[in-house]
Each structure stands twice: as C-alpha cells, then as structure tokens.
Protein backbone atom coordinates (compact mmCIF):
# COMPACT_ATOMS: atom_id res chain seq x y z
CA MET A 1 22.66 -7.27 17.88
CA ARG A 2 21.38 -10.81 17.52
CA LEU A 3 17.62 -11.11 17.00
CA LEU A 4 15.77 -13.85 18.82
CA PRO A 5 12.40 -15.27 17.78
CA LEU A 6 9.37 -14.80 19.99
CA ALA A 7 9.77 -17.02 23.01
CA PRO A 8 7.14 -19.79 23.13
CA GLY A 9 6.12 -18.63 26.60
CA ARG A 10 5.15 -15.21 25.25
CA LEU A 11 2.78 -16.55 22.62
CA ARG A 12 -0.91 -16.18 23.35
CA ARG A 13 -3.42 -18.98 23.16
CA GLY A 14 -4.24 -19.59 19.53
CA SER A 15 -0.95 -18.13 18.32
CA PRO A 16 0.95 -20.03 15.62
CA ARG A 17 3.97 -21.49 17.40
CA HIS A 18 7.48 -21.67 16.03
CA LEU A 19 7.56 -24.94 14.07
CA PRO A 20 10.59 -27.12 14.78
CA SER A 21 13.16 -27.54 12.10
CA CYS A 22 12.25 -30.71 10.26
CA SER A 23 12.94 -32.70 7.16
CA PRO A 24 11.04 -32.17 3.89
CA ALA A 25 9.32 -35.53 4.44
CA LEU A 26 7.92 -34.39 7.79
CA LEU A 27 6.89 -31.06 6.29
CA LEU A 28 4.75 -33.00 3.81
CA LEU A 29 2.70 -34.24 6.74
CA VAL A 30 2.59 -30.97 8.70
CA LEU A 31 2.01 -28.62 5.77
CA GLY A 32 -0.06 -30.68 3.38
CA GLY A 33 -2.34 -27.75 2.62
CA CYS A 34 0.50 -25.44 1.61
CA LEU A 35 2.44 -27.23 -1.11
CA GLY A 36 0.79 -25.97 -4.28
CA VAL A 37 2.75 -25.87 -7.51
CA PHE A 38 6.13 -26.02 -5.77
CA GLY A 39 5.70 -29.11 -3.61
CA VAL A 40 8.42 -30.36 -1.29
CA ALA A 41 10.42 -32.85 -3.29
CA ALA A 42 13.72 -34.18 -2.06
CA GLY A 43 16.43 -31.57 -2.39
CA THR A 44 14.02 -28.73 -3.09
CA ARG A 45 12.87 -25.85 -0.91
CA ARG A 46 9.88 -23.59 -1.17
CA PRO A 47 10.78 -20.05 -2.21
CA ASN A 48 11.55 -17.29 0.24
CA VAL A 49 9.83 -13.91 -0.08
CA VAL A 50 10.95 -10.38 0.79
CA LEU A 51 8.51 -7.45 0.72
CA LEU A 52 10.06 -3.97 0.79
CA LEU A 53 7.52 -1.25 1.58
CA THR A 54 8.28 2.47 1.47
CA ASP A 55 6.11 5.21 2.95
CA ASP A 56 4.47 7.81 0.65
CA GLN A 57 6.62 7.06 -2.40
CA ASP A 58 4.94 8.20 -5.61
CA GLU A 59 5.38 6.75 -9.08
CA VAL A 60 3.86 9.50 -11.24
CA LEU A 61 6.19 12.33 -10.16
CA GLY A 62 9.45 10.41 -10.51
CA GLY A 63 9.60 8.77 -7.11
CA MET A 64 11.79 5.92 -8.40
CA THR A 65 14.39 8.23 -9.97
CA PRO A 66 16.81 8.27 -6.98
CA LEU A 67 16.76 4.47 -6.64
CA LYS A 68 19.25 3.47 -9.30
CA LYS A 69 20.49 0.39 -7.49
CA THR A 70 16.97 -0.78 -6.67
CA LYS A 71 15.90 -0.49 -10.30
CA ALA A 72 19.00 -2.40 -11.41
CA LEU A 73 18.80 -5.14 -8.75
CA ILE A 74 15.04 -5.71 -8.77
CA GLY A 75 13.39 -4.06 -11.78
CA GLU A 76 15.98 -4.96 -14.39
CA MET A 77 16.30 -8.47 -12.95
CA GLY A 78 12.56 -9.04 -13.07
CA MET A 79 9.29 -7.26 -13.80
CA THR A 80 8.13 -3.66 -13.36
CA PHE A 81 4.38 -3.05 -13.19
CA SER A 82 3.42 0.22 -14.88
CA SER A 83 -0.20 0.19 -13.66
CA ALA A 84 -0.03 -0.60 -9.94
CA TYR A 85 -2.59 1.06 -7.66
CA VAL A 86 -3.60 1.26 -4.02
CA PRO A 87 -7.24 0.90 -2.94
CA SER A 88 -6.88 3.88 -0.60
CA ALA A 89 -4.39 6.75 -0.84
CA LEU A 90 -3.49 6.79 2.85
CA CYS A 91 -0.99 4.86 4.93
CA CYS A 92 -3.06 2.80 7.37
CA PRO A 93 -5.93 1.70 5.07
CA SER A 94 -3.43 0.84 2.34
CA ARG A 95 -1.16 -1.16 4.65
CA ALA A 96 -4.19 -3.00 6.00
CA SER A 97 -5.07 -3.89 2.39
CA ILE A 98 -1.58 -5.28 1.82
CA LEU A 99 -1.74 -7.44 4.95
CA THR A 100 -5.28 -8.73 4.43
CA GLY A 101 -5.61 -8.75 0.63
CA LYS A 102 -8.89 -6.90 1.10
CA TYR A 103 -10.45 -3.61 0.07
CA PRO A 104 -10.99 -1.09 2.91
CA HIS A 105 -14.74 -1.73 3.07
CA ASN A 106 -13.90 -5.34 3.99
CA HIS A 107 -11.01 -4.86 6.43
CA ARG A 108 -12.74 -1.73 7.81
CA VAL A 109 -9.64 0.39 8.30
CA VAL A 110 -10.77 3.73 6.89
CA ASN A 111 -8.13 6.26 8.03
CA ASN A 112 -5.08 6.74 10.25
CA THR A 113 -6.95 6.99 13.58
CA LEU A 114 -7.91 4.44 16.19
CA GLU A 115 -11.51 5.50 15.60
CA GLY A 116 -10.93 4.66 11.94
CA ASN A 117 -9.84 1.12 12.99
CA CYS A 118 -6.10 1.74 12.51
CA SER A 119 -4.44 -0.91 14.70
CA SER A 120 -7.50 -0.88 16.96
CA LYS A 121 -8.62 -3.71 19.23
CA SER A 122 -11.20 -4.61 16.59
CA TRP A 123 -8.50 -4.83 13.90
CA GLN A 124 -6.35 -6.98 16.17
CA LYS A 125 -9.19 -9.36 16.98
CA ILE A 126 -10.82 -9.72 13.57
CA GLN A 127 -8.21 -9.04 10.88
CA GLU A 128 -4.75 -9.77 12.25
CA PRO A 129 -5.35 -13.54 12.65
CA ASN A 130 -6.20 -13.71 8.94
CA THR A 131 -3.37 -11.69 7.42
CA PHE A 132 -1.18 -13.44 4.90
CA PRO A 133 1.87 -13.49 7.26
CA ALA A 134 -0.26 -15.27 9.87
CA ILE A 135 -1.23 -17.87 7.27
CA LEU A 136 2.38 -18.23 6.12
CA ARG A 137 3.43 -18.91 9.69
CA SER A 138 0.64 -21.16 10.90
CA MET A 139 -0.20 -23.08 7.72
CA CYS A 140 2.98 -23.00 5.65
CA GLY A 141 5.74 -23.14 8.24
CA TYR A 142 7.48 -19.96 7.14
CA GLN A 143 9.75 -17.98 9.42
CA THR A 144 8.23 -14.50 9.40
CA PHE A 145 10.21 -11.32 10.08
CA PHE A 146 8.89 -7.76 10.34
CA ALA A 147 10.96 -4.58 10.68
CA GLY A 148 9.78 -0.97 10.41
CA LYS A 149 6.50 0.93 10.33
CA TYR A 150 3.47 -1.30 10.80
CA LEU A 151 0.27 0.74 11.17
CA ASN A 152 0.07 4.41 12.17
CA GLU A 153 -1.53 3.76 15.57
CA TYR A 154 0.54 0.69 16.45
CA GLY A 155 1.77 0.98 20.02
CA ALA A 156 -1.05 3.25 21.21
CA PRO A 157 -1.91 2.57 24.88
CA ASP A 158 -5.58 2.06 23.98
CA ALA A 159 -4.58 -0.68 21.53
CA GLY A 160 -2.32 -2.82 23.70
CA GLY A 161 0.80 -0.66 23.55
CA LEU A 162 4.13 -1.93 22.32
CA GLU A 163 3.62 -5.25 24.10
CA HIS A 164 1.15 -6.26 21.42
CA VAL A 165 2.76 -8.47 18.77
CA PRO A 166 0.38 -9.34 15.92
CA LEU A 167 -0.30 -13.01 15.31
CA GLY A 168 1.95 -14.72 12.81
CA TRP A 169 5.30 -13.02 13.33
CA SER A 170 8.35 -15.02 14.44
CA TYR A 171 10.50 -11.88 14.71
CA TRP A 172 8.95 -8.48 15.43
CA TYR A 173 10.88 -5.21 15.20
CA ALA A 174 8.14 -2.56 14.83
CA LEU A 175 8.09 1.21 15.03
CA GLU A 176 5.77 2.91 17.50
CA LYS A 177 3.15 4.83 15.52
CA ASN A 178 4.20 6.94 12.50
CA SER A 179 7.43 7.30 10.55
CA LYS A 180 10.46 8.93 12.14
CA TYR A 181 14.17 8.76 11.48
CA TYR A 182 15.51 9.61 14.97
CA ASN A 183 14.12 9.71 18.53
CA TYR A 184 11.68 6.85 18.16
CA THR A 185 10.72 3.70 20.07
CA LEU A 186 10.67 0.18 18.68
CA SER A 187 8.84 -2.91 19.88
CA ILE A 188 11.33 -5.75 19.79
CA ASN A 189 9.23 -8.88 20.21
CA GLY A 190 6.96 -6.89 22.52
CA LYS A 191 9.61 -5.05 24.53
CA ALA A 192 10.17 -1.31 24.08
CA ARG A 193 13.55 0.04 23.05
CA LYS A 194 14.16 3.77 22.66
CA HIS A 195 16.51 5.25 20.08
CA GLY A 196 18.10 8.68 20.08
CA GLU A 197 19.70 10.86 17.42
CA ASN A 198 23.14 9.34 16.88
CA TYR A 199 23.35 8.57 13.17
CA SER A 200 25.66 5.58 13.51
CA VAL A 201 23.27 3.64 15.77
CA ASP A 202 19.85 5.31 15.47
CA TYR A 203 19.07 6.31 11.88
CA LEU A 204 16.00 4.15 11.32
CA THR A 205 16.48 3.14 7.68
CA ASP A 206 19.99 1.91 8.50
CA VAL A 207 18.78 0.20 11.69
CA LEU A 208 16.21 -1.70 9.61
CA ALA A 209 18.91 -2.70 7.14
CA ASN A 210 21.18 -4.00 9.90
CA VAL A 211 18.54 -5.97 11.76
CA SER A 212 17.38 -7.50 8.46
CA LEU A 213 20.91 -8.68 7.71
CA ASP A 214 21.09 -10.11 11.25
CA PHE A 215 17.94 -12.11 10.56
CA LEU A 216 19.47 -13.59 7.43
CA ASP A 217 22.52 -14.59 9.47
CA TYR A 218 20.63 -16.21 12.38
CA LYS A 219 17.44 -17.64 10.84
CA SER A 220 16.82 -21.35 10.55
CA ASN A 221 18.14 -22.92 7.36
CA PHE A 222 15.46 -25.62 7.39
CA GLU A 223 12.40 -23.42 6.85
CA PRO A 224 11.59 -20.88 4.14
CA PHE A 225 11.31 -17.29 5.28
CA PHE A 226 9.20 -14.22 4.66
CA MET A 227 10.59 -10.74 5.42
CA MET A 228 8.64 -7.49 5.42
CA ILE A 229 10.79 -4.38 5.71
CA ALA A 230 8.84 -1.12 5.96
CA THR A 231 11.02 1.97 5.79
CA PRO A 232 10.13 5.49 7.03
CA ALA A 233 11.36 7.04 3.78
CA PRO A 234 10.25 9.12 2.03
CA HIS A 235 7.64 10.14 4.64
CA SER A 236 7.98 13.41 6.54
CA PRO A 237 9.96 14.72 8.40
CA TRP A 238 12.24 13.84 5.44
CA THR A 239 15.44 13.56 7.48
CA ALA A 240 18.21 12.36 5.20
CA ALA A 241 21.35 10.57 6.32
CA PRO A 242 24.24 13.03 6.77
CA GLN A 243 26.07 11.86 3.66
CA TYR A 244 23.01 12.55 1.49
CA GLN A 245 21.83 15.90 2.82
CA LYS A 246 23.39 17.84 -0.07
CA ALA A 247 22.15 15.57 -2.84
CA PHE A 248 19.78 16.79 -5.57
CA GLN A 249 20.42 20.48 -4.91
CA ASN A 250 19.27 21.36 -8.43
CA VAL A 251 16.13 19.19 -8.32
CA PHE A 252 12.66 20.75 -8.08
CA ALA A 253 9.14 19.35 -7.95
CA PRO A 254 7.96 18.56 -11.50
CA ARG A 255 6.14 21.40 -13.25
CA ASN A 256 3.71 19.14 -15.08
CA LYS A 257 0.46 20.33 -16.65
CA ASN A 258 -1.55 20.07 -13.43
CA PHE A 259 1.05 21.84 -11.30
CA ASN A 260 -0.11 25.10 -9.68
CA ILE A 261 -3.40 25.32 -11.58
CA HIS A 262 -6.94 25.73 -10.31
CA GLY A 263 -8.91 22.50 -9.99
CA THR A 264 -11.80 23.55 -12.19
CA ASN A 265 -14.91 21.32 -12.12
CA LYS A 266 -13.51 19.30 -9.24
CA HIS A 267 -14.72 18.53 -5.73
CA TRP A 268 -14.97 21.59 -3.47
CA LEU A 269 -11.90 20.53 -1.45
CA ILE A 270 -9.76 20.81 -4.58
CA ARG A 271 -11.41 24.06 -5.64
CA GLN A 272 -10.60 25.73 -2.30
CA ALA A 273 -6.86 25.61 -2.97
CA LYS A 274 -5.39 29.03 -3.72
CA THR A 275 -4.09 29.56 -7.25
CA PRO A 276 -1.45 30.60 -7.97
CA MET A 277 0.39 29.30 -4.95
CA THR A 278 2.54 31.75 -3.04
CA ASN A 279 6.29 31.78 -3.60
CA SER A 280 6.79 30.54 -0.05
CA SER A 281 4.49 27.57 -0.68
CA ILE A 282 6.36 26.65 -3.86
CA GLN A 283 9.70 26.98 -2.09
CA PHE A 284 8.40 24.74 0.70
CA LEU A 285 7.18 21.98 -1.61
CA ASP A 286 10.35 22.10 -3.72
CA ASN A 287 12.39 21.63 -0.58
CA ALA A 288 10.15 18.77 0.55
CA PHE A 289 10.47 17.10 -2.86
CA ARG A 290 14.25 17.33 -2.70
CA LYS A 291 14.43 15.96 0.85
CA ARG A 292 12.14 13.07 -0.02
CA TRP A 293 14.57 11.98 -2.71
CA GLN A 294 17.48 12.34 -0.28
CA THR A 295 15.86 9.94 2.21
CA LEU A 296 15.36 7.37 -0.55
CA LEU A 297 19.10 7.08 -1.12
CA SER A 298 19.37 5.20 2.18
CA VAL A 299 16.59 2.88 1.01
CA ASP A 300 18.62 2.24 -2.12
CA ASP A 301 21.57 1.28 0.10
CA LEU A 302 19.33 -1.05 2.12
CA VAL A 303 18.18 -2.85 -1.03
CA GLU A 304 21.75 -3.28 -2.23
CA LYS A 305 22.90 -4.70 1.13
CA LEU A 306 19.96 -7.08 1.27
CA VAL A 307 20.44 -8.43 -2.25
CA LYS A 308 24.17 -8.88 -1.71
CA ARG A 309 23.59 -10.78 1.53
CA LEU A 310 21.02 -13.05 -0.11
CA GLU A 311 23.51 -13.74 -2.87
CA PHE A 312 26.30 -14.41 -0.37
CA THR A 313 24.16 -16.89 1.57
CA GLY A 314 23.05 -18.66 -1.61
CA GLU A 315 19.39 -17.68 -1.10
CA LEU A 316 18.96 -15.11 -3.88
CA ASN A 317 17.98 -17.48 -6.68
CA ASN A 318 15.23 -18.96 -4.50
CA THR A 319 13.86 -15.64 -3.23
CA TYR A 320 11.12 -13.38 -4.58
CA ILE A 321 11.70 -9.71 -3.83
CA PHE A 322 8.81 -7.24 -4.04
CA TYR A 323 9.34 -3.47 -3.87
CA THR A 324 6.38 -1.08 -3.53
CA SER A 325 4.88 1.84 -1.58
CA ASP A 326 1.74 2.29 0.52
CA ASN A 327 0.50 5.29 -1.51
CA GLY A 328 1.59 8.02 -3.88
CA TYR A 329 2.07 11.73 -3.18
CA HIS A 330 1.56 15.18 -4.66
CA THR A 331 3.65 18.33 -4.61
CA GLY A 332 1.71 21.28 -6.02
CA GLN A 333 -0.75 19.46 -8.29
CA PHE A 334 -4.00 21.46 -8.54
CA SER A 335 -2.32 23.92 -6.14
CA LEU A 336 -2.40 21.45 -3.23
CA PRO A 337 1.02 21.85 -1.56
CA ILE A 338 1.98 18.37 -0.26
CA ASP A 339 0.12 15.28 0.91
CA LYS A 340 -1.75 12.24 -0.42
CA ARG A 341 -5.46 11.21 0.17
CA GLN A 342 -6.80 12.40 -3.19
CA LEU A 343 -8.30 10.29 -5.98
CA TYR A 344 -5.84 11.31 -8.70
CA GLU A 345 -3.09 9.22 -10.28
CA PHE A 346 -0.28 10.92 -8.39
CA ASP A 347 -1.78 9.73 -5.07
CA ILE A 348 -3.16 6.28 -5.97
CA LYS A 349 -0.47 4.94 -8.31
CA VAL A 350 2.67 3.37 -6.82
CA PRO A 351 5.88 1.63 -7.90
CA LEU A 352 5.84 -2.17 -8.02
CA LEU A 353 8.98 -4.12 -8.94
CA VAL A 354 9.38 -7.89 -8.54
CA ARG A 355 12.21 -10.35 -9.13
CA GLY A 356 12.40 -14.03 -8.32
CA PRO A 357 12.45 -17.62 -9.59
CA GLY A 358 10.84 -18.01 -13.01
CA ILE A 359 10.62 -14.25 -13.70
CA LYS A 360 12.48 -13.19 -16.83
CA PRO A 361 14.60 -10.03 -16.57
CA ASN A 362 13.79 -6.60 -17.99
CA GLN A 363 10.05 -7.05 -18.28
CA THR A 364 7.30 -4.44 -17.98
CA SER A 365 3.69 -5.41 -17.38
CA LYS A 366 0.79 -3.09 -18.18
CA MET A 367 -1.69 -5.32 -16.35
CA LEU A 368 -3.92 -3.48 -13.88
CA VAL A 369 -2.84 -4.58 -10.41
CA ALA A 370 -3.40 -3.39 -6.85
CA ASN A 371 -1.76 -3.95 -3.49
CA ILE A 372 -4.62 -6.27 -2.50
CA ASP A 373 -2.89 -8.69 -4.90
CA LEU A 374 0.32 -8.92 -2.85
CA GLY A 375 -1.08 -11.21 -0.14
CA PRO A 376 -2.66 -13.69 -2.58
CA THR A 377 0.53 -13.67 -4.67
CA ILE A 378 2.79 -14.45 -1.73
CA LEU A 379 0.46 -17.18 -0.47
CA ASP A 380 0.39 -18.62 -4.00
CA ILE A 381 4.19 -18.64 -4.03
CA ALA A 382 4.09 -20.56 -0.75
CA GLY A 383 1.69 -23.06 -2.28
CA TYR A 384 -1.36 -22.16 -0.19
CA ASP A 385 -4.82 -22.79 -1.62
CA LEU A 386 -6.23 -19.30 -2.21
CA ASN A 387 -9.78 -20.66 -2.19
CA LYS A 388 -9.38 -21.03 1.57
CA THR A 389 -8.99 -17.27 2.01
CA GLN A 390 -11.49 -14.42 1.91
CA MET A 391 -9.12 -12.14 0.02
CA ASP A 392 -10.38 -9.72 -2.63
CA GLY A 393 -7.15 -9.64 -4.64
CA MET A 394 -5.69 -11.92 -7.31
CA SER A 395 -2.38 -13.76 -7.50
CA LEU A 396 0.17 -12.06 -9.75
CA LEU A 397 2.12 -15.29 -10.14
CA PRO A 398 0.72 -16.13 -13.62
CA ILE A 399 1.73 -12.65 -14.84
CA LEU A 400 5.17 -12.93 -13.28
CA ARG A 401 5.72 -16.28 -14.98
CA GLY A 402 4.60 -15.02 -18.38
CA ALA A 403 1.36 -16.97 -18.71
CA SER A 404 -0.22 -16.62 -22.15
CA ASN A 405 -3.93 -16.06 -22.89
CA LEU A 406 -4.41 -14.84 -19.34
CA THR A 407 -7.84 -13.51 -18.37
CA TRP A 408 -7.31 -10.55 -16.08
CA ARG A 409 -9.33 -7.80 -14.44
CA SER A 410 -10.09 -4.49 -16.13
CA ASP A 411 -10.95 -2.41 -13.06
CA VAL A 412 -10.09 -1.86 -9.41
CA LEU A 413 -11.83 -0.01 -6.60
CA VAL A 414 -10.40 3.04 -4.85
CA GLU A 415 -12.13 4.28 -1.69
CA TYR A 416 -11.39 6.81 1.01
CA GLN A 417 -13.17 8.19 4.06
CA GLY A 418 -12.15 11.76 4.83
CA GLU A 419 -10.71 12.80 8.19
CA GLY A 420 -12.12 15.79 10.03
CA ARG A 421 -15.01 16.85 12.24
CA ASN A 422 -18.09 18.79 11.24
CA VAL A 423 -16.93 21.99 12.94
CA THR A 424 -15.33 25.17 11.62
CA ASP A 425 -11.57 25.57 12.02
CA PRO A 426 -11.11 28.76 14.09
CA THR A 427 -7.86 29.54 12.26
CA CYS A 428 -9.66 29.35 8.90
CA PRO A 429 -13.21 30.67 9.59
CA SER A 430 -13.95 31.32 5.92
CA LEU A 431 -13.67 27.63 5.03
CA SER A 432 -16.46 25.10 5.23
CA PRO A 433 -16.76 23.02 8.41
CA GLY A 434 -14.85 19.80 8.72
CA VAL A 435 -11.53 20.65 7.05
CA SER A 436 -8.27 19.11 8.26
CA GLN A 437 -4.59 18.90 7.31
CA CYS A 438 -4.55 22.69 6.75
CA PHE A 439 -1.54 24.82 5.90
CA PRO A 440 -0.94 28.29 7.41
CA ASP A 441 -2.51 29.98 4.38
CA CYS A 442 -5.72 27.93 4.96
CA VAL A 443 -5.27 25.54 2.07
CA CYS A 444 -6.53 22.23 3.41
CA GLU A 445 -5.71 18.73 2.17
CA ASP A 446 -8.65 16.86 3.72
CA ALA A 447 -12.16 17.18 5.12
CA TYR A 448 -14.74 14.95 6.75
CA ASN A 449 -16.72 14.83 3.50
CA ASN A 450 -13.69 14.18 1.33
CA THR A 451 -15.20 10.71 1.20
CA TYR A 452 -15.25 9.10 -2.21
CA ALA A 453 -15.15 5.86 -4.15
CA CYS A 454 -13.80 5.32 -7.66
CA VAL A 455 -13.64 2.68 -10.35
CA ARG A 456 -10.26 2.80 -12.06
CA THR A 457 -10.75 1.06 -15.43
CA MET A 458 -8.16 -0.03 -17.97
CA SER A 459 -9.02 -2.09 -21.03
CA ALA A 460 -7.93 -2.40 -24.64
CA LEU A 461 -10.08 0.57 -25.65
CA TRP A 462 -10.70 2.54 -22.45
CA ASN A 463 -8.58 4.18 -19.77
CA LEU A 464 -11.12 5.76 -17.41
CA GLN A 465 -11.64 6.80 -13.84
CA TYR A 466 -15.16 7.26 -12.44
CA CYS A 467 -15.57 8.70 -8.92
CA GLU A 468 -18.45 9.67 -6.64
CA PHE A 469 -18.30 11.74 -3.45
CA ASP A 470 -20.45 11.21 -0.39
CA ASP A 471 -21.43 14.83 0.15
CA GLN A 472 -24.46 17.08 -0.35
CA GLU A 473 -23.59 17.53 -4.01
CA VAL A 474 -23.10 13.79 -4.65
CA PHE A 475 -20.26 15.18 -6.77
CA VAL A 476 -18.99 13.08 -9.69
CA GLU A 477 -15.60 13.22 -11.39
CA VAL A 478 -14.79 11.27 -14.56
CA TYR A 479 -11.50 11.31 -16.48
CA ASN A 480 -10.38 9.89 -19.82
CA LEU A 481 -6.73 9.27 -19.06
CA THR A 482 -5.84 8.44 -22.64
CA ALA A 483 -6.70 11.97 -23.76
CA ASP A 484 -6.08 13.64 -20.40
CA PRO A 485 -3.38 11.83 -18.37
CA ASP A 486 -3.06 14.81 -15.98
CA GLN A 487 -6.78 14.62 -15.11
CA ILE A 488 -7.41 18.28 -15.77
CA THR A 489 -10.81 18.00 -17.47
CA ASN A 490 -13.75 16.42 -15.63
CA ILE A 491 -15.96 14.90 -18.34
CA ALA A 492 -18.80 13.81 -16.04
CA LYS A 493 -21.27 16.14 -17.79
CA THR A 494 -20.25 15.28 -21.35
CA ILE A 495 -19.64 11.54 -21.32
CA ASP A 496 -22.23 9.15 -22.79
CA PRO A 497 -25.03 8.86 -20.16
CA GLU A 498 -25.36 5.13 -20.79
CA LEU A 499 -21.68 4.60 -20.02
CA LEU A 500 -22.02 6.84 -16.97
CA GLY A 501 -24.85 4.63 -15.72
CA LYS A 502 -22.83 1.48 -16.22
CA MET A 503 -19.89 2.95 -14.31
CA ASN A 504 -22.19 4.03 -11.49
CA TYR A 505 -23.60 0.52 -11.24
CA ARG A 506 -20.15 -1.07 -11.38
CA LEU A 507 -19.03 1.20 -8.55
CA MET A 508 -21.96 0.10 -6.41
CA MET A 509 -21.14 -3.53 -7.10
CA LEU A 510 -17.46 -3.17 -6.21
CA GLN A 511 -18.17 -1.17 -3.06
CA SER A 512 -20.26 -4.07 -1.75
CA CYS A 513 -18.06 -6.88 -3.10
CA SER A 514 -16.23 -9.49 -1.06
CA GLY A 515 -13.77 -12.15 -2.18
CA PRO A 516 -14.70 -13.64 -5.57
CA THR A 517 -17.36 -10.99 -6.27
CA CYS A 518 -14.56 -8.37 -6.34
CA ARG A 519 -13.16 -10.18 -9.38
CA THR A 520 -16.28 -10.27 -11.59
CA PRO A 521 -16.07 -8.86 -15.15
CA GLY A 522 -15.81 -5.07 -15.46
CA VAL A 523 -17.82 -2.78 -17.73
CA PHE A 524 -15.53 -3.34 -20.73
CA ASP A 525 -14.98 -7.09 -20.27
CA PRO A 526 -16.62 -9.55 -22.71
CA GLY A 527 -18.40 -11.31 -19.86
CA TYR A 528 -19.93 -8.14 -18.39
CA ARG A 529 -23.71 -8.05 -18.09
CA PHE A 530 -25.59 -4.83 -17.28
CA ASP A 531 -29.22 -4.84 -16.23
CA PRO A 532 -30.54 -1.23 -16.13
CA ARG A 533 -33.39 -2.36 -13.88
CA LEU A 534 -30.86 -2.88 -11.10
CA MET A 535 -30.19 0.87 -11.13
CA PHE A 536 -33.58 1.48 -9.52
CA SER A 537 -34.93 0.75 -6.08
CA ASN A 538 -38.30 -0.86 -5.43
CA ARG A 539 -39.80 2.61 -5.29
CA GLY A 540 -38.59 3.44 -8.79
CA SER A 541 -35.97 5.98 -7.76
CA VAL A 542 -32.39 5.82 -9.01
CA ARG A 543 -30.14 3.89 -6.66
CA THR A 544 -26.95 5.53 -5.48
CA ARG A 545 -24.08 3.73 -3.85
CA ARG A 546 -23.86 3.67 -0.10
CA PHE A 547 -20.83 4.73 1.92
CA SER A 548 -19.95 3.25 5.26
CA LYS A 549 -19.96 6.07 7.78
CA HIS A 550 -18.57 4.49 10.91
CA LEU A 551 -17.21 1.00 10.70
CA LEU A 552 -16.47 0.31 14.35
C-alpha cells in the first residue's frame, strides 16, 4: 500500500503545511532558524532521524537479549547508554516526556487515563503543538512519519476519535488506544482502518515494518525525514508471530536476588505482596517473560529490514537511529508478579542504543540520561536552537560525538501518580482502599496513593536513589546502588541525616523545575549550593515537597 501525506485540505488552521520540495539555497531562507552546526551547504543534506520505540521493554532483566540483530546493527555500530532512565515508569506519561522533552509535572500527563491527561483535549491543545516532531515539521522542514502506538487513550471518542491527527505529522499511521497484535484499528491520516487476525496482512509489528519501508520508497528526496516507529512488543497480550511461538522454551524469568522475596522496609503497596508467590503465579510470570521475548523477535526483524532499506537507498550514512523503550518491567521482583509503575531500577531503566553520523562504533556511555533528552537531541541534530524551546532535557549530541571535558548532569527526576480510587475493592476486602491492577490472589500492582517522586543520582562517588511517597506515612525509600544494586535494603533510617536533608531539598527543587532549572547542579556536583534555611517555611516548620493531585 502506498502511503500519502496529509492532504493540505485536511490540515487545520495553524497546522504546519507540507513544505514544497526546494533547493538548499531556498531552504536557507525558509529555515534560517534550523541550520545549527550542520548548515545547508551545497551538496550537503541535514541528517535524517529514526526513533524506534518499544512498549514495556526492560533493560535490567535482559530485555535486549533476544535482539541480536538490533544490537549488531545499532549498538555495535554506535553507542549504548548503560544508564538510561524514564521520568515515569508508565506508558503514557513516559511517551509524553519523549514527545515534549519535559518531566510529567510540566507536560501534566500523569497516568494512562483521559482524566490523567493521556491524549486529552488539554494535551492536544497545550502540548501537541510544541512537541519536537511539530517543531521539526514547521521550523526545520522535515518530513515526519509516525507508525504504531501513540498514547494509550489516542482515538477515544471524548478526545477527537481517530480523526484527530496531532500537529506536525506529514504521515500518520497510529494505533487506536493500547497495544495489540491483531484485531485493532489504525488511524491512517485521520481515517479508520480495521485489521483482523490474518498473520500475513494484520500482525501489527510486521504491518509497521511494511508501511515504514513504503515511506522510505515514496518520501520526497529533497527534504530530510524523521520517522517514529512505536511497536506493540513486548507489551501484553504478548502474541508472537507464528514462526516464533516456540522460541525460548527453556527460558525463565531471572531469579535475581530480589526475585520472590518480601519487600521489607518498603512502601505498603510492596509489602502487601504475598511471599512466597504461589506456583501458579510463578508459572504465569515465567510464561509471560518467555512470550515477551518471542514478540521481540519480530521487532528484531523490523530493525534489520529498516537498516537494509536505508542502506539500499543510500540514506544510512546520513541517518541517526535511536532505539529505546517507554519503561521497564518486572517479573516477580519483591513478589510482584508482572507490571511496571514502581520506582525500582527494573521499571525505570530502559535500553538506549544510537548510531549515526559522527558516532564511533562499539561505544558504551555511562552518562546519566533520560528520555526527556531525546527531543532536544533530535532538534539539535536538525540544527534547531534549543534555547527557543521550554524542554527540560539536554541534547545527547556532545556525548554521541565524543566531546571531552563535558559537564553533565548527576541526577534525574522520577515521578508517578498512582491510579485507583479511594474505595475498597470488593474482591479484595482485606486490602486498603484505592488498590488497582490486582491479580486473582489479591496482589495489587498499583494504588491511588502509590504516588511518589525520586531523585536518581549518579556521580563519581555516589550511586543513590532517594524517594518520597505522598501518603499518610510520607514514606521514604533510599538505596545505595553501589552496595545494593537489587535495592533490597532501604537505608532511609541509617543514612547521614545531613545528606538526607540535601536529597529532600533537591527533590523539591526538581519537582518544581522547568526548562533550565531542571539542569542545575545536583547534590554531588561541584557547583551545588545548599542553604539549610530553605528547608523551612516562614512558620519554622520543615518544608516537604508538594505533589500535584489533579492536573486538569
């Protein structure tokens, strides 16, 4: 099927229109604010960018293991980031952070519901016009292509349905709502198309691969392009392609040190998990782990096809390719069966692999990065002046190009607002009110007061995580990940009180930051300044950080 760009007649007032194909000289006049370090000299073209985004793919539990071709074609040909994090361990807030370059408290998407601003009218009006793809299209003249899962509530009738096409996309091929592999509906430039359950024409990962290859065949050759391909894998329902359904039969969820143990000295939601898990629960999560890997084999095929096509068309050497996930995942850690949402490394740490012009092969970076950095990086690649944005993240381009004596951040913010209502679940009357995402044995993965914020700090001497919960306990968790990488021991009551105070203050600062103030020196940076007087209110009481309850 041949993809067509959005027809000019369908674009709304204020939409960036499809720029005509033009010479580099004319582009100098049209795109003067988007030339940057690359420029548009005769015979040169600005780089293309491809962003591959998986759904719920962890890094800590071996989520990249099945992707041998991806690691060879992207990681080994460029840079792998070993300390890449998401600012919220849930699909919609994390994806909103990628698109906007902002922390959740600034883009105001707090969970996967319309009430939580996921693809809501408010999101569409306030944030979508300022996403990095919209800037690429309107200010830099990029062709922009999207295929796959957008936001969890995209296509909801109360949010414009499938006719809504976000500003900034030349080609739009988006999944209605959450990840599926068969029996789904796509918005193709605002028109609905239903798919069934015939593998050869409906398996979503393969459909995304094919339509992406079509775009490369039919795009304009006179403008650079940006592609975002967001696969359903390895999200539930974990439906593998037929040829991969028997793969990994001898693979089981990792039995690491925090597998199937009680979450001692942790938030009440973690403590309520039943330890040891039942045999049926372990069998279920092992099967889920195996199926997740099976679905990723089709993603590996997609990556291979895409790279080969870019090479065939002569575009590969002028194209940056990013590979990452929207959040991590757990399978049995602290006796929680399967999900994300928690503050621990297995849920907030993700793969990040990048190849492209000027990136040396076989590199690993330990720099602390987050997905709020992807938008600024891609705009920097396009030559856009980042000072014109309100993004919280930083461009990774100096790291990718091997800059020496680089001053970089030492901490990032992680924040999450729990889902659930302050009522008792009738199927689990013994549990506290407000639980959600519960399994049949009344082990629950979320609750309305599973609302927390963390500072994840990495420096030459420290590898810490400091977290506070917005609940009646004002519960605090602190981990030294150098001594305790599995986050088993909460050291909140034994750590130096002065350091605890500094981390508390830093958390308050980050939770209220915006743009440049999100990039100020952290607790362990040479330029950090701590004034203990700022820990107290005018009445002399200790200040505590404030959580946003309802952002709409």
